[in-house]
Amino acid sequence: MGRPSKYPTEFRTEAVRLVLTTDKSMAEVARDLGISDKTLAGWVRKDRAKQTADALPGALNEHERLELKRLRKEVADLKVEREILRKAAAYFAKETTR
């Protein structure tokens, strides 16, 4: 996982809103807020990508994506556990036939 953000989520959301709803350029908004224009551009790009993904028919919302990620990890863990149990069962079956 990456390092924690230097800026709170509310600040980033408000900065993106300013870029999208005002007549100011991205550089002007960044200068007014005291942040790098490259940083603000990254936030805007990420927000636009999220909006595009959410607008697709049948797209998952943020909570559904998090749930899907959690479930995929759980499935992977269960597959590892199943493989360990399968090998243990085979080992003990071989031991009892001796």
C-alpha atoms as a PDB file:
ATOM      1  CA  MET A   1       0.000   0.000   0.000  1.00  0.00           C
ATOM      2  CA  GLY A   2       1.176   3.547  -0.707  1.00  0.00           C
ATOM      3  CA  ARG A   3       1.964   6.238   1.774  1.00  0.00           C
ATOM      4  CA  PRO A   4      -0.916   8.106   3.408  1.00  0.00           C
ATOM      5  CA  SER A   5      -2.096  11.230   1.631  1.00  0.00           C
ATOM      6  CA  LYS A   6      -0.750  14.562   2.750  1.00  0.00           C
ATOM      7  CA  TYR A   7      -4.131  16.159   2.047  1.00  0.00           C
ATOM      8  CA  PRO A   8      -7.478  15.175   3.605  1.00  0.00           C
ATOM      9  CA  THR A   9     -10.147  13.685   1.364  1.00  0.00           C
ATOM     10  CA  GLU A  10     -12.472  16.647   1.883  1.00  0.00           C
ATOM     11  CA  PHE A  11      -9.748  19.046   0.691  1.00  0.00           C
ATOM     12  CA  ARG A  12      -9.123  16.994  -2.448  1.00  0.00           C
ATOM     13  CA  THR A  13     -12.842  16.709  -3.200  1.00  0.00           C
ATOM     14  CA  GLU A  14     -13.319  20.462  -2.827  1.00  0.00           C
ATOM     15  CA  ALA A  15     -10.265  21.206  -4.994  1.00  0.00           C
ATOM     16  CA  VAL A  16     -11.602  18.992  -7.793  1.00  0.00           C
ATOM     17  CA  ARG A  17     -15.026  20.613  -7.478  1.00  0.00           C
ATOM     18  CA  LEU A  18     -13.429  24.062  -7.859  1.00  0.00           C
ATOM     19  CA  VAL A  19     -11.668  23.005 -11.053  1.00  0.00           C
ATOM     20  CA  LEU A  20     -14.803  21.503 -12.558  1.00  0.00           C
ATOM     21  CA  THR A  21     -17.299  24.200 -11.575  1.00  0.00           C
ATOM     22  CA  THR A  22     -15.409  27.506 -11.812  1.00  0.00           C
ATOM     23  CA  ASP A  23     -14.020  29.407 -14.783  1.00  0.00           C
ATOM     24  CA  LYS A  24     -10.524  29.356 -13.268  1.00  0.00           C
ATOM     25  CA  SER A  25      -7.821  27.275 -14.872  1.00  0.00           C
ATOM     26  CA  MET A  26      -6.402  24.297 -13.065  1.00  0.00           C
ATOM     27  CA  ALA A  27      -3.130  26.162 -12.505  1.00  0.00           C
ATOM     28  CA  GLU A  28      -4.979  29.113 -10.924  1.00  0.00           C
ATOM     29  CA  VAL A  29      -6.944  26.863  -8.577  1.00  0.00           C
ATOM     30  CA  ALA A  30      -3.766  25.011  -7.599  1.00  0.00           C
ATOM     31  CA  ARG A  31      -1.936  28.283  -6.948  1.00  0.00           C
ATOM     32  CA  ASP A  32      -4.862  29.611  -4.862  1.00  0.00           C
ATOM     33  CA  LEU A  33      -4.877  26.442  -2.765  1.00  0.00           C
ATOM     34  CA  GLY A  34      -1.092  26.299  -2.434  1.00  0.00           C
ATOM     35  CA  ILE A  35      -0.633  22.917  -4.092  1.00  0.00           C
ATOM     36  CA  SER A  36       1.168  21.682  -7.174  1.00  0.00           C
ATOM     37  CA  ASP A  37      -0.778  21.837 -10.419  1.00  0.00           C
ATOM     38  CA  LYS A  38       0.438  18.311 -11.204  1.00  0.00           C
ATOM     39  CA  THR A  39      -1.050  17.071  -7.938  1.00  0.00           C
ATOM     40  CA  LEU A  40      -4.366  18.740  -8.697  1.00  0.00           C
ATOM     41  CA  ALA A  41      -4.315  17.383 -12.259  1.00  0.00           C
ATOM     42  CA  GLY A  42      -3.898  13.872 -10.882  1.00  0.00           C
ATOM     43  CA  TRP A  43      -6.878  14.330  -8.561  1.00  0.00           C
ATOM     44  CA  VAL A  44      -9.030  15.633 -11.418  1.00  0.00           C
ATOM     45  CA  ARG A  45      -7.964  12.778 -13.716  1.00  0.00           C
ATOM     46  CA  LYS A  46      -8.766  10.213 -11.019  1.00  0.00           C
ATOM     47  CA  ASP A  47     -12.179  11.811 -10.372  1.00  0.00           C
ATOM     48  CA  ARG A  48     -13.059  11.847 -14.084  1.00  0.00           C
ATOM     49  CA  ALA A  49     -12.038   8.191 -14.435  1.00  0.00           C
ATOM     50  CA  LYS A  50     -14.217   7.295 -11.446  1.00  0.00           C
ATOM     51  CA  GLN A  51     -17.172   9.200 -12.889  1.00  0.00           C
ATOM     52  CA  THR A  52     -16.725   7.462 -16.245  1.00  0.00           C
ATOM     53  CA  ALA A  53     -16.553   4.029 -14.596  1.00  0.00           C
ATOM     54  CA  ASP A  54     -19.637   4.787 -12.498  1.00  0.00           C
ATOM     55  CA  ALA A  55     -21.579   5.982 -15.560  1.00  0.00           C
ATOM     56  CA  LEU A  56     -21.213   2.678 -17.412  1.00  0.00           C
ATOM     57  CA  PRO A  57     -24.334   0.514 -17.397  1.00  0.00           C
ATOM     58  CA  GLY A  58     -24.003  -2.258 -14.860  1.00  0.00           C
ATOM     59  CA  ALA A  59     -20.993  -0.568 -13.237  1.00  0.00           C
ATOM     60  CA  LEU A  60     -20.281  -1.319  -9.607  1.00  0.00           C
ATOM     61  CA  ASN A  61     -20.387   1.472  -7.079  1.00  0.00           C
ATOM     62  CA  GLU A  62     -17.509   2.058  -4.682  1.00  0.00           C
ATOM     63  CA  HIS A  63     -18.956  -0.123  -1.907  1.00  0.00           C
ATOM     64  CA  GLU A  64     -19.587  -2.979  -4.330  1.00  0.00           C
ATOM     65  CA  ARG A  65     -16.023  -2.736  -5.655  1.00  0.00           C
ATOM     66  CA  LEU A  66     -14.642  -2.906  -2.103  1.00  0.00           C
ATOM     67  CA  GLU A  67     -16.868  -5.895  -1.318  1.00  0.00           C
ATOM     68  CA  LEU A  68     -15.750  -7.628  -4.523  1.00  0.00           C
ATOM     69  CA  LYS A  69     -12.091  -7.032  -3.641  1.00  0.00           C
ATOM     70  CA  ARG A  70     -12.647  -8.441  -0.120  1.00  0.00           C
ATOM     71  CA  LEU A  71     -14.459 -11.491  -1.476  1.00  0.00           C
ATOM     72  CA  ARG A  72     -11.760 -12.199  -4.058  1.00  0.00           C
ATOM     73  CA  LYS A  73      -9.124 -12.142  -1.319  1.00  0.00           C
ATOM     74  CA  GLU A  74     -11.249 -14.447   0.817  1.00  0.00           C
ATOM     75  CA  VAL A  75     -11.644 -16.891  -2.094  1.00  0.00           C
ATOM     76  CA  ALA A  76      -7.886 -16.904  -2.673  1.00  0.00           C
ATOM     77  CA  ASP A  77      -7.267 -17.616   1.025  1.00  0.00           C
ATOM     78  CA  LEU A  78      -9.830 -20.438   1.001  1.00  0.00           C
ATOM     79  CA  LYS A  79      -8.190 -22.007  -2.056  1.00  0.00           C
ATOM     80  CA  VAL A  80      -4.842 -22.053  -0.253  1.00  0.00           C
ATOM     81  CA  GLU A  81      -6.450 -23.601   2.830  1.00  0.00           C
ATOM     82  CA  ARG A  82      -8.235 -26.223   0.709  1.00  0.00           C
ATOM     83  CA  GLU A  83      -4.964 -27.167  -0.986  1.00  0.00           C
ATOM     84  CA  ILE A  84      -3.249 -27.580   2.396  1.00  0.00           C
ATOM     85  CA  LEU A  85      -6.095 -29.780   3.660  1.00  0.00           C
ATOM     86  CA  ARG A  86      -6.053 -31.851   0.460  1.00  0.00           C
ATOM     87  CA  LYS A  87      -2.329 -32.532   0.868  1.00  0.00           C
ATOM     88  CA  ALA A  88      -2.736 -33.338   4.558  1.00  0.00           C
ATOM     89  CA  ALA A  89      -5.575 -35.783   3.806  1.00  0.00           C
ATOM     90  CA  ALA A  90      -3.479 -37.482   1.131  1.00  0.00           C
ATOM     91  CA  TYR A  91      -0.534 -37.753   3.526  1.00  0.00           C
ATOM     92  CA  PHE A  92      -2.588 -39.283   6.335  1.00  0.00           C
ATOM     93  CA  ALA A  93      -4.375 -41.644   3.937  1.00  0.00           C
ATOM     94  CA  LYS A  94      -1.001 -42.914   2.770  1.00  0.00           C
ATOM     95  CA  GLU A  95       0.178 -43.324   6.381  1.00  0.00           C
ATOM     96  CA  THR A  96      -2.873 -45.403   7.391  1.00  0.00           C
ATOM     97  CA  THR A  97      -2.460 -47.864   4.526  1.00  0.00           C
ATOM     98  CA  ARG A  98       1.011 -48.918   5.662  1.00  0.00           C
END
